[in-house]
Amino acid sequence: MKILYLYPDLMNLYGESGNLCALERRLADQGEDVSVDRKAPGEALEIAAYDWIYMGAGTERSQKAALEHLRPCAGALREAMDAGKHALFTGNAAALLGREITDAAGQVWQGLGLLDVAVRERRDTRYTGDAIARHPELERPLVGFFNHCEDWEGDVEPLLQVVMGRGNREGDSGEGFRKNNFLGTHLIGPVLVKNPHFHYWLLSRLLGRTPEPREYLYEEKAWQVTYDALARRKDQPAE
């Protein structure tokens, strides 16, 4: 399986490279021959050659630099999405796929145009804190952390429904996006490490089969401890 890791030095806040490390391990445990191409800005990209595409979160400045370098590949990314290729964009990397991003200074940046979404960065507000979110195909909720300043406007199928935290915009529980096999979420942590059941779901989609059973006891225990703590905090009455 060939994996494209976009801009690991530029877009790797919050240990988001852990998502790729965890996926490599699980694929290897399933007997898959895995190769990872870690591409820096300016290097040639052959999008169609890969089975899975990944980009993690970065600062707002790094995000814009990544956007400028990736924009020439917008057509190839759309073709990959339409062909059913798999991808995951975490943190503010997800916003790159929209029509445009208006930064906190009011400058408008043309997005990749794969989603009918306009993103506006808030000058005076950051949305930070722990989060619980539900996935429609999973019994157990996801846990993680938000740290972004984005409001999304537009028509997009959300990946998750927030139970604790904030959705793509104020007053909307829908979070992230899902279009074909392209997925995006603001949830960081990293999301695949913190949520082994979501990782299993993604792995089964990549393999096209039910994965062979493997135990990841430390990851399972870490999820349970985190979820229990967040659930208690969520249910506490306001003072």
C-alpha atoms as a PDB file:
ATOM      1  CA  MET A   1       0.000   0.000   0.000  1.00  0.00           C
ATOM      2  CA  LYS A   2       1.386   3.374  -1.023  1.00  0.00           C
ATOM      3  CA  ILE A   3       0.840   6.328   1.297  1.00  0.00           C
ATOM      4  CA  LEU A   4       1.444   9.997   0.551  1.00  0.00           C
ATOM      5  CA  TYR A   5       2.276  12.122   3.599  1.00  0.00           C
ATOM      6  CA  LEU A   6       1.975  15.757   2.603  1.00  0.00           C
ATOM      7  CA  TYR A   7       4.350  18.273   4.163  1.00  0.00           C
ATOM      8  CA  PRO A   8       5.280  16.497   7.438  1.00  0.00           C
ATOM      9  CA  ASP A   9       7.619  19.309   8.527  1.00  0.00           C
ATOM     10  CA  LEU A  10       5.210  22.116   7.675  1.00  0.00           C
ATOM     11  CA  MET A  11       1.973  20.510   8.921  1.00  0.00           C
ATOM     12  CA  ASN A  12       2.742  18.575  12.077  1.00  0.00           C
ATOM     13  CA  LEU A  13       1.403  20.416  15.104  1.00  0.00           C
ATOM     14  CA  TYR A  14       0.140  18.444  18.103  1.00  0.00           C
ATOM     15  CA  GLY A  15       2.026  15.295  17.126  1.00  0.00           C
ATOM     16  CA  GLU A  16      -0.169  14.699  14.085  1.00  0.00           C
ATOM     17  CA  SER A  17       2.543  12.527  12.547  1.00  0.00           C
ATOM     18  CA  GLY A  18       1.381   9.967  15.112  1.00  0.00           C
ATOM     19  CA  ASN A  19      -1.627   9.246  12.903  1.00  0.00           C
ATOM     20  CA  LEU A  20       0.646   8.003  10.159  1.00  0.00           C
ATOM     21  CA  CYS A  21       2.909   6.036  12.508  1.00  0.00           C
ATOM     22  CA  ALA A  22      -0.112   4.276  14.001  1.00  0.00           C
ATOM     23  CA  LEU A  23      -1.582   3.454  10.602  1.00  0.00           C
ATOM     24  CA  GLU A  24       1.732   2.108   9.318  1.00  0.00           C
ATOM     25  CA  ARG A  25       1.904  -0.215  12.306  1.00  0.00           C
ATOM     26  CA  ARG A  26      -1.630  -1.505  11.886  1.00  0.00           C
ATOM     27  CA  LEU A  27      -1.220  -2.077   8.177  1.00  0.00           C
ATOM     28  CA  ALA A  28       2.010  -3.991   8.829  1.00  0.00           C
ATOM     29  CA  ASP A  29       0.187  -6.071  11.470  1.00  0.00           C
ATOM     30  CA  GLN A  30      -2.286  -7.007   8.737  1.00  0.00           C
ATOM     31  CA  GLY A  31       0.518  -8.241   6.511  1.00  0.00           C
ATOM     32  CA  GLU A  32       0.454  -5.259   4.169  1.00  0.00           C
ATOM     33  CA  ASP A  33       3.588  -4.094   2.385  1.00  0.00           C
ATOM     34  CA  VAL A  34       3.562  -0.368   3.188  1.00  0.00           C
ATOM     35  CA  SER A  35       5.576   2.410   1.589  1.00  0.00           C
ATOM     36  CA  VAL A  36       5.342   6.052   2.659  1.00  0.00           C
ATOM     37  CA  ASP A  37       6.427   9.028   0.581  1.00  0.00           C
ATOM     38  CA  ARG A  38       6.980  12.073   2.754  1.00  0.00           C
ATOM     39  CA  LYS A  39       6.785  15.050   0.445  1.00  0.00           C
ATOM     40  CA  ALA A  40       8.057  18.564   1.164  1.00  0.00           C
ATOM     41  CA  PRO A  41       6.636  21.702  -0.468  1.00  0.00           C
ATOM     42  CA  GLY A  42       7.874  22.065  -4.021  1.00  0.00           C
ATOM     43  CA  GLU A  43       8.472  18.374  -4.622  1.00  0.00           C
ATOM     44  CA  ALA A  44       6.635  16.744  -7.511  1.00  0.00           C
ATOM     45  CA  LEU A  45       3.397  14.964  -6.564  1.00  0.00           C
ATOM     46  CA  GLU A  46       1.863  12.056  -8.463  1.00  0.00           C
ATOM     47  CA  ILE A  47      -1.444  11.946  -6.605  1.00  0.00           C
ATOM     48  CA  ALA A  48      -2.905   9.045  -8.600  1.00  0.00           C
ATOM     49  CA  ALA A  49      -0.059   6.745  -7.560  1.00  0.00           C
ATOM     50  CA  TYR A  50      -1.171   6.539  -3.910  1.00  0.00           C
ATOM     51  CA  ASP A  51      -3.755   4.547  -2.006  1.00  0.00           C
ATOM     52  CA  TRP A  52      -3.995   6.928   0.977  1.00  0.00           C
ATOM     53  CA  ILE A  53      -3.237  10.642   1.282  1.00  0.00           C
ATOM     54  CA  TYR A  54      -2.623  12.332   4.616  1.00  0.00           C
ATOM     55  CA  MET A  55      -2.013  15.853   5.882  1.00  0.00           C
ATOM     56  CA  GLY A  56      -1.946  16.973   9.506  1.00  0.00           C
ATOM     57  CA  ALA A  57      -2.518  20.301  11.232  1.00  0.00           C
ATOM     58  CA  GLY A  58      -0.288  23.355  11.124  1.00  0.00           C
ATOM     59  CA  THR A  59      -0.204  26.969  12.173  1.00  0.00           C
ATOM     60  CA  GLU A  60      -2.364  29.377  10.166  1.00  0.00           C
ATOM     61  CA  ARG A  61       0.781  30.617   8.421  1.00  0.00           C
ATOM     62  CA  SER A  62       1.945  27.087   7.589  1.00  0.00           C
ATOM     63  CA  GLN A  63      -1.538  26.241   6.348  1.00  0.00           C
ATOM     64  CA  LYS A  64      -1.408  29.037   3.765  1.00  0.00           C
ATOM     65  CA  ALA A  65       2.045  27.943   2.615  1.00  0.00           C
ATOM     66  CA  ALA A  66       0.787  24.387   2.203  1.00  0.00           C
ATOM     67  CA  LEU A  67      -2.210  25.672   0.241  1.00  0.00           C
ATOM     68  CA  GLU A  68      -0.026  27.590  -2.203  1.00  0.00           C
ATOM     69  CA  HIS A  69       2.167  24.563  -2.853  1.00  0.00           C
ATOM     70  CA  LEU A  70      -0.756  22.143  -3.166  1.00  0.00           C
ATOM     71  CA  ARG A  71      -3.001  24.309  -5.363  1.00  0.00           C
ATOM     72  CA  PRO A  72      -1.507  23.051  -8.683  1.00  0.00           C
ATOM     73  CA  CYS A  73      -2.627  19.549  -7.637  1.00  0.00           C
ATOM     74  CA  ALA A  74      -6.272  20.532  -7.088  1.00  0.00           C
ATOM     75  CA  GLY A  75      -7.397  18.810 -10.277  1.00  0.00           C
ATOM     76  CA  ALA A  76      -5.487  15.622  -9.473  1.00  0.00           C
ATOM     77  CA  LEU A  77      -6.919  15.580  -5.956  1.00  0.00           C
ATOM     78  CA  ARG A  78     -10.446  15.938  -7.312  1.00  0.00           C
ATOM     79  CA  GLU A  79      -9.832  13.057  -9.707  1.00  0.00           C
ATOM     80  CA  ALA A  80      -8.522  10.953  -6.818  1.00  0.00           C
ATOM     81  CA  MET A  81     -11.565  11.804  -4.703  1.00  0.00           C
ATOM     82  CA  ASP A  82     -13.977  11.005  -7.543  1.00  0.00           C
ATOM     83  CA  ALA A  83     -12.137   7.719  -8.178  1.00  0.00           C
ATOM     84  CA  GLY A  84     -12.659   6.600  -4.575  1.00  0.00           C
ATOM     85  CA  LYS A  85      -9.119   7.105  -3.307  1.00  0.00           C
ATOM     86  CA  HIS A  86      -8.742   7.502   0.456  1.00  0.00           C
ATOM     87  CA  ALA A  87      -7.504  10.591   2.290  1.00  0.00           C
ATOM     88  CA  LEU A  88      -7.510  12.121   5.773  1.00  0.00           C
ATOM     89  CA  PHE A  89      -6.956  15.804   6.557  1.00  0.00           C
ATOM     90  CA  THR A  90      -6.778  16.745  10.248  1.00  0.00           C
ATOM     91  CA  GLY A  91      -6.884  20.084  12.036  1.00  0.00           C
ATOM     92  CA  ASN A  92      -6.810  23.098   9.748  1.00  0.00           C
ATOM     93  CA  ALA A  93      -5.584  20.988   6.817  1.00  0.00           C
ATOM     94  CA  ALA A  94      -9.245  20.114   6.179  1.00  0.00           C
ATOM     95  CA  ALA A  95     -10.032  23.745   5.319  1.00  0.00           C
ATOM     96  CA  LEU A  96      -7.698  23.634   2.303  1.00  0.00           C
ATOM     97  CA  LEU A  97     -10.275  21.619   0.365  1.00  0.00           C
ATOM     98  CA  GLY A  98     -12.901  24.379   0.488  1.00  0.00           C
ATOM     99  CA  ARG A  99     -13.593  27.159  -2.007  1.00  0.00           C
ATOM    100  CA  GLU A 100     -11.750  29.838  -0.081  1.00  0.00           C
ATOM    101  CA  ILE A 101     -10.234  30.844   3.240  1.00  0.00           C
ATOM    102  CA  THR A 102     -10.589  34.371   4.582  1.00  0.00           C
ATOM    103  CA  ASP A 103      -7.826  34.912   7.100  1.00  0.00           C
ATOM    104  CA  ALA A 104      -8.009  37.014  10.245  1.00  0.00           C
ATOM    105  CA  ALA A 105      -6.644  40.058   8.380  1.00  0.00           C
ATOM    106  CA  GLY A 106      -9.388  39.808   5.741  1.00  0.00           C
ATOM    107  CA  GLN A 107      -7.227  38.412   2.936  1.00  0.00           C
ATOM    108  CA  VAL A 108      -9.014  35.825   0.794  1.00  0.00           C
ATOM    109  CA  TRP A 109      -7.088  32.722  -0.242  1.00  0.00           C
ATOM    110  CA  GLN A 110      -8.428  30.570  -3.050  1.00  0.00           C
ATOM    111  CA  GLY A 111      -8.912  27.009  -1.808  1.00  0.00           C
ATOM    112  CA  LEU A 112      -8.606  23.732  -3.694  1.00  0.00           C
ATOM    113  CA  GLY A 113     -12.317  23.757  -4.509  1.00  0.00           C
ATOM    114  CA  LEU A 114     -13.124  20.135  -3.644  1.00  0.00           C
ATOM    115  CA  LEU A 115     -15.780  21.157  -1.090  1.00  0.00           C
ATOM    116  CA  ASP A 116     -18.551  23.738  -1.311  1.00  0.00           C
ATOM    117  CA  VAL A 117     -17.296  25.464   1.833  1.00  0.00           C
ATOM    118  CA  ALA A 118     -16.026  28.948   2.624  1.00  0.00           C
ATOM    119  CA  VAL A 119     -13.839  29.190   5.725  1.00  0.00           C
ATOM    120  CA  ARG A 120     -13.390  32.334   7.782  1.00  0.00           C
ATOM    121  CA  GLU A 121     -10.738  32.661  10.474  1.00  0.00           C
ATOM    122  CA  ARG A 122     -11.727  34.590  13.565  1.00  0.00           C
ATOM    123  CA  ARG A 123      -9.428  37.384  14.670  1.00  0.00           C
ATOM    124  CA  ASP A 124     -10.562  37.490  18.293  1.00  0.00           C
ATOM    125  CA  THR A 125     -11.500  33.885  19.077  1.00  0.00           C
ATOM    126  CA  ARG A 126      -9.886  30.463  19.171  1.00  0.00           C
ATOM    127  CA  TYR A 127     -11.949  27.360  19.760  1.00  0.00           C
ATOM    128  CA  THR A 128      -9.911  25.247  22.143  1.00  0.00           C
ATOM    129  CA  GLY A 129     -10.724  22.423  24.494  1.00  0.00           C
ATOM    130  CA  ASP A 130     -11.388  18.725  24.841  1.00  0.00           C
ATOM    131  CA  ALA A 131     -14.032  17.139  22.661  1.00  0.00           C
ATOM    132  CA  ILE A 132     -16.371  14.167  22.375  1.00  0.00           C
ATOM    133  CA  ALA A 133     -17.924  13.389  18.999  1.00  0.00           C
ATOM    134  CA  ARG A 134     -20.015  10.610  17.520  1.00  0.00           C
ATOM    135  CA  HIS A 135     -19.575   8.836  14.219  1.00  0.00           C
ATOM    136  CA  PRO A 136     -22.765   7.437  12.632  1.00  0.00           C
ATOM    137  CA  GLU A 137     -21.230   4.002  12.004  1.00  0.00           C
ATOM    138  CA  LEU A 138     -19.553   3.539  15.391  1.00  0.00           C
ATOM    139  CA  GLU A 139     -21.066   2.702  18.765  1.00  0.00           C
ATOM    140  CA  ARG A 140     -18.349   4.338  20.830  1.00  0.00           C
ATOM    141  CA  PRO A 141     -17.727   8.076  20.553  1.00  0.00           C
ATOM    142  CA  LEU A 142     -14.444   9.690  19.581  1.00  0.00           C
ATOM    143  CA  VAL A 143     -12.334  11.820  21.907  1.00  0.00           C
ATOM    144  CA  GLY A 144      -9.771  14.472  21.136  1.00  0.00           C
ATOM    145  CA  PHE A 145      -8.978  18.148  21.255  1.00  0.00           C
ATOM    146  CA  PHE A 146      -9.857  21.260  19.234  1.00  0.00           C
ATOM    147  CA  ASN A 147      -7.576  24.238  18.677  1.00  0.00           C
ATOM    148  CA  HIS A 148      -8.596  26.373  15.717  1.00  0.00           C
ATOM    149  CA  CYS A 149     -10.137  29.716  14.776  1.00  0.00           C
ATOM    150  CA  GLU A 150     -12.319  28.627  11.839  1.00  0.00           C
ATOM    151  CA  ASP A 151     -15.990  29.055  10.982  1.00  0.00           C
ATOM    152  CA  TRP A 152     -17.223  27.025   8.012  1.00  0.00           C
ATOM    153  CA  GLU A 153     -20.129  28.088   5.821  1.00  0.00           C
ATOM    154  CA  GLY A 154     -21.513  25.897   3.062  1.00  0.00           C
ATOM    155  CA  ASP A 155     -22.986  22.534   2.190  1.00  0.00           C
ATOM    156  CA  VAL A 156     -20.849  19.639   3.381  1.00  0.00           C
ATOM    157  CA  GLU A 157     -21.592  16.208   4.824  1.00  0.00           C
ATOM    158  CA  PRO A 158     -20.026  16.172   8.301  1.00  0.00           C
ATOM    159  CA  LEU A 159     -17.812  13.312   9.386  1.00  0.00           C
ATOM    160  CA  LEU A 160     -18.835  13.589  13.056  1.00  0.00           C
ATOM    161  CA  GLN A 161     -21.498  15.031  15.355  1.00  0.00           C
ATOM    162  CA  VAL A 162     -20.070  16.889  18.338  1.00  0.00           C
ATOM    163  CA  VAL A 163     -21.386  15.995  21.782  1.00  0.00           C
ATOM    164  CA  MET A 164     -18.835  18.048  23.719  1.00  0.00           C
ATOM    165  CA  GLY A 165     -16.968  20.819  21.928  1.00  0.00           C
ATOM    166  CA  ARG A 166     -17.805  22.744  18.774  1.00  0.00           C
ATOM    167  CA  GLY A 167     -18.870  21.866  15.242  1.00  0.00           C
ATOM    168  CA  ASN A 168     -17.787  23.508  11.995  1.00  0.00           C
ATOM    169  CA  ARG A 169     -19.663  26.660  12.965  1.00  0.00           C
ATOM    170  CA  GLU A 170     -21.502  28.138  15.930  1.00  0.00           C
ATOM    171  CA  GLY A 171     -24.758  26.382  16.698  1.00  0.00           C
ATOM    172  CA  ASP A 172     -24.075  23.394  14.416  1.00  0.00           C
ATOM    173  CA  SER A 173     -22.997  20.031  15.819  1.00  0.00           C
ATOM    174  CA  GLY A 174     -21.756  18.783  12.443  1.00  0.00           C
ATOM    175  CA  GLU A 175     -17.959  18.522  12.446  1.00  0.00           C
ATOM    176  CA  GLY A 176     -15.440  17.957   9.675  1.00  0.00           C
ATOM    177  CA  PHE A 177     -16.380  16.563   6.285  1.00  0.00           C
ATOM    178  CA  ARG A 178     -16.867  13.323   4.435  1.00  0.00           C
ATOM    179  CA  LYS A 179     -16.929  13.227   0.652  1.00  0.00           C
ATOM    180  CA  ASN A 180     -16.508   9.825  -0.956  1.00  0.00           C
ATOM    181  CA  ASN A 181     -13.434   8.435   0.831  1.00  0.00           C
ATOM    182  CA  PHE A 182     -11.926  11.848   1.574  1.00  0.00           C
ATOM    183  CA  LEU A 183     -12.288  12.624   5.279  1.00  0.00           C
ATOM    184  CA  GLY A 184     -11.497  15.705   7.346  1.00  0.00           C
ATOM    185  CA  THR A 185     -11.822  16.630  11.004  1.00  0.00           C
ATOM    186  CA  HIS A 186     -10.666  19.377  13.349  1.00  0.00           C
ATOM    187  CA  LEU A 187     -10.222  16.659  15.975  1.00  0.00           C
ATOM    188  CA  ILE A 188      -6.551  16.334  16.876  1.00  0.00           C
ATOM    189  CA  GLY A 189      -4.695  14.389  19.479  1.00  0.00           C
ATOM    190  CA  PRO A 190      -3.780  12.484  17.164  1.00  0.00           C
ATOM    191  CA  VAL A 191      -7.251  11.197  16.294  1.00  0.00           C
ATOM    192  CA  LEU A 192      -6.226   7.690  15.137  1.00  0.00           C
ATOM    193  CA  VAL A 193      -4.068   7.104  18.198  1.00  0.00           C
ATOM    194  CA  LYS A 194      -6.711   8.340  20.646  1.00  0.00           C
ATOM    195  CA  ASN A 195      -9.556   6.420  19.023  1.00  0.00           C
ATOM    196  CA  PRO A 196      -8.646   2.796  18.184  1.00  0.00           C
ATOM    197  CA  HIS A 197     -12.235   1.974  17.130  1.00  0.00           C
ATOM    198  CA  PHE A 198     -12.218   4.811  14.571  1.00  0.00           C
ATOM    199  CA  HIS A 199      -8.780   3.615  13.473  1.00  0.00           C
ATOM    200  CA  TYR A 200     -10.203   0.106  12.969  1.00  0.00           C
ATOM    201  CA  TRP A 201     -13.079   1.542  10.921  1.00  0.00           C
ATOM    202  CA  LEU A 202     -10.647   3.454   8.690  1.00  0.00           C
ATOM    203  CA  LEU A 203      -8.368   0.432   8.381  1.00  0.00           C
ATOM    204  CA  SER A 204     -11.240  -1.781   7.218  1.00  0.00           C
ATOM    205  CA  ARG A 205     -12.120   0.759   4.528  1.00  0.00           C
ATOM    206  CA  LEU A 206      -8.531   0.943   3.316  1.00  0.00           C
ATOM    207  CA  LEU A 207      -8.158  -2.840   3.209  1.00  0.00           C
ATOM    208  CA  GLY A 208     -11.596  -3.447   1.728  1.00  0.00           C
ATOM    209  CA  ARG A 209     -12.112  -6.268   4.228  1.00  0.00           C
ATOM    210  CA  THR A 210     -12.530  -6.979   7.908  1.00  0.00           C
ATOM    211  CA  PRO A 211      -9.065  -6.731   9.483  1.00  0.00           C
ATOM    212  CA  GLU A 212      -7.587  -9.718  11.264  1.00  0.00           C
ATOM    213  CA  PRO A 213      -8.144  -9.355  15.019  1.00  0.00           C
ATOM    214  CA  ARG A 214      -5.274  -7.710  16.898  1.00  0.00           C
ATOM    215  CA  GLU A 215      -5.138  -6.358  20.434  1.00  0.00           C
ATOM    216  CA  TYR A 216      -3.951  -2.834  21.162  1.00  0.00           C
ATOM    217  CA  LEU A 217      -4.566  -2.841  24.887  1.00  0.00           C
ATOM    218  CA  TYR A 218      -2.784   0.393  25.791  1.00  0.00           C
ATOM    219  CA  GLU A 219      -4.662   2.363  23.144  1.00  0.00           C
ATOM    220  CA  GLU A 220      -7.984   0.870  24.257  1.00  0.00           C
ATOM    221  CA  LYS A 221      -7.279   1.666  27.913  1.00  0.00           C
ATOM    222  CA  ALA A 222      -6.157   5.201  27.054  1.00  0.00           C
ATOM    223  CA  TRP A 223      -9.407   5.808  25.150  1.00  0.00           C
ATOM    224  CA  GLN A 224     -11.503   4.520  28.057  1.00  0.00           C
ATOM    225  CA  VAL A 225      -9.696   6.649  30.641  1.00  0.00           C
ATOM    226  CA  THR A 226      -9.977   9.751  28.465  1.00  0.00           C
ATOM    227  CA  TYR A 227     -13.622   9.198  27.609  1.00  0.00           C
ATOM    228  CA  ASP A 228     -14.615   8.526  31.221  1.00  0.00           C
ATOM    229  CA  ALA A 229     -12.904  11.722  32.384  1.00  0.00           C
ATOM    230  CA  LEU A 230     -14.474  13.858  29.640  1.00  0.00           C
ATOM    231  CA  ALA A 231     -17.920  12.338  30.136  1.00  0.00           C
ATOM    232  CA  ARG A 232     -17.836  13.161  33.852  1.00  0.00           C
ATOM    233  CA  ARG A 233     -16.810  16.719  33.098  1.00  0.00           C
ATOM    234  CA  LYS A 234     -19.498  17.080  30.421  1.00  0.00           C
ATOM    235  CA  ASP A 235     -22.256  15.920  32.776  1.00  0.00           C
ATOM    236  CA  GLN A 236     -21.272  18.142  35.693  1.00  0.00           C
ATOM    237  CA  PRO A 237     -23.853  20.875  36.318  1.00  0.00           C
ATOM    238  CA  ALA A 238     -22.743  24.446  35.700  1.00  0.00           C
ATOM    239  CA  GLU A 239     -21.840  26.388  38.832  1.00  0.00           C
END
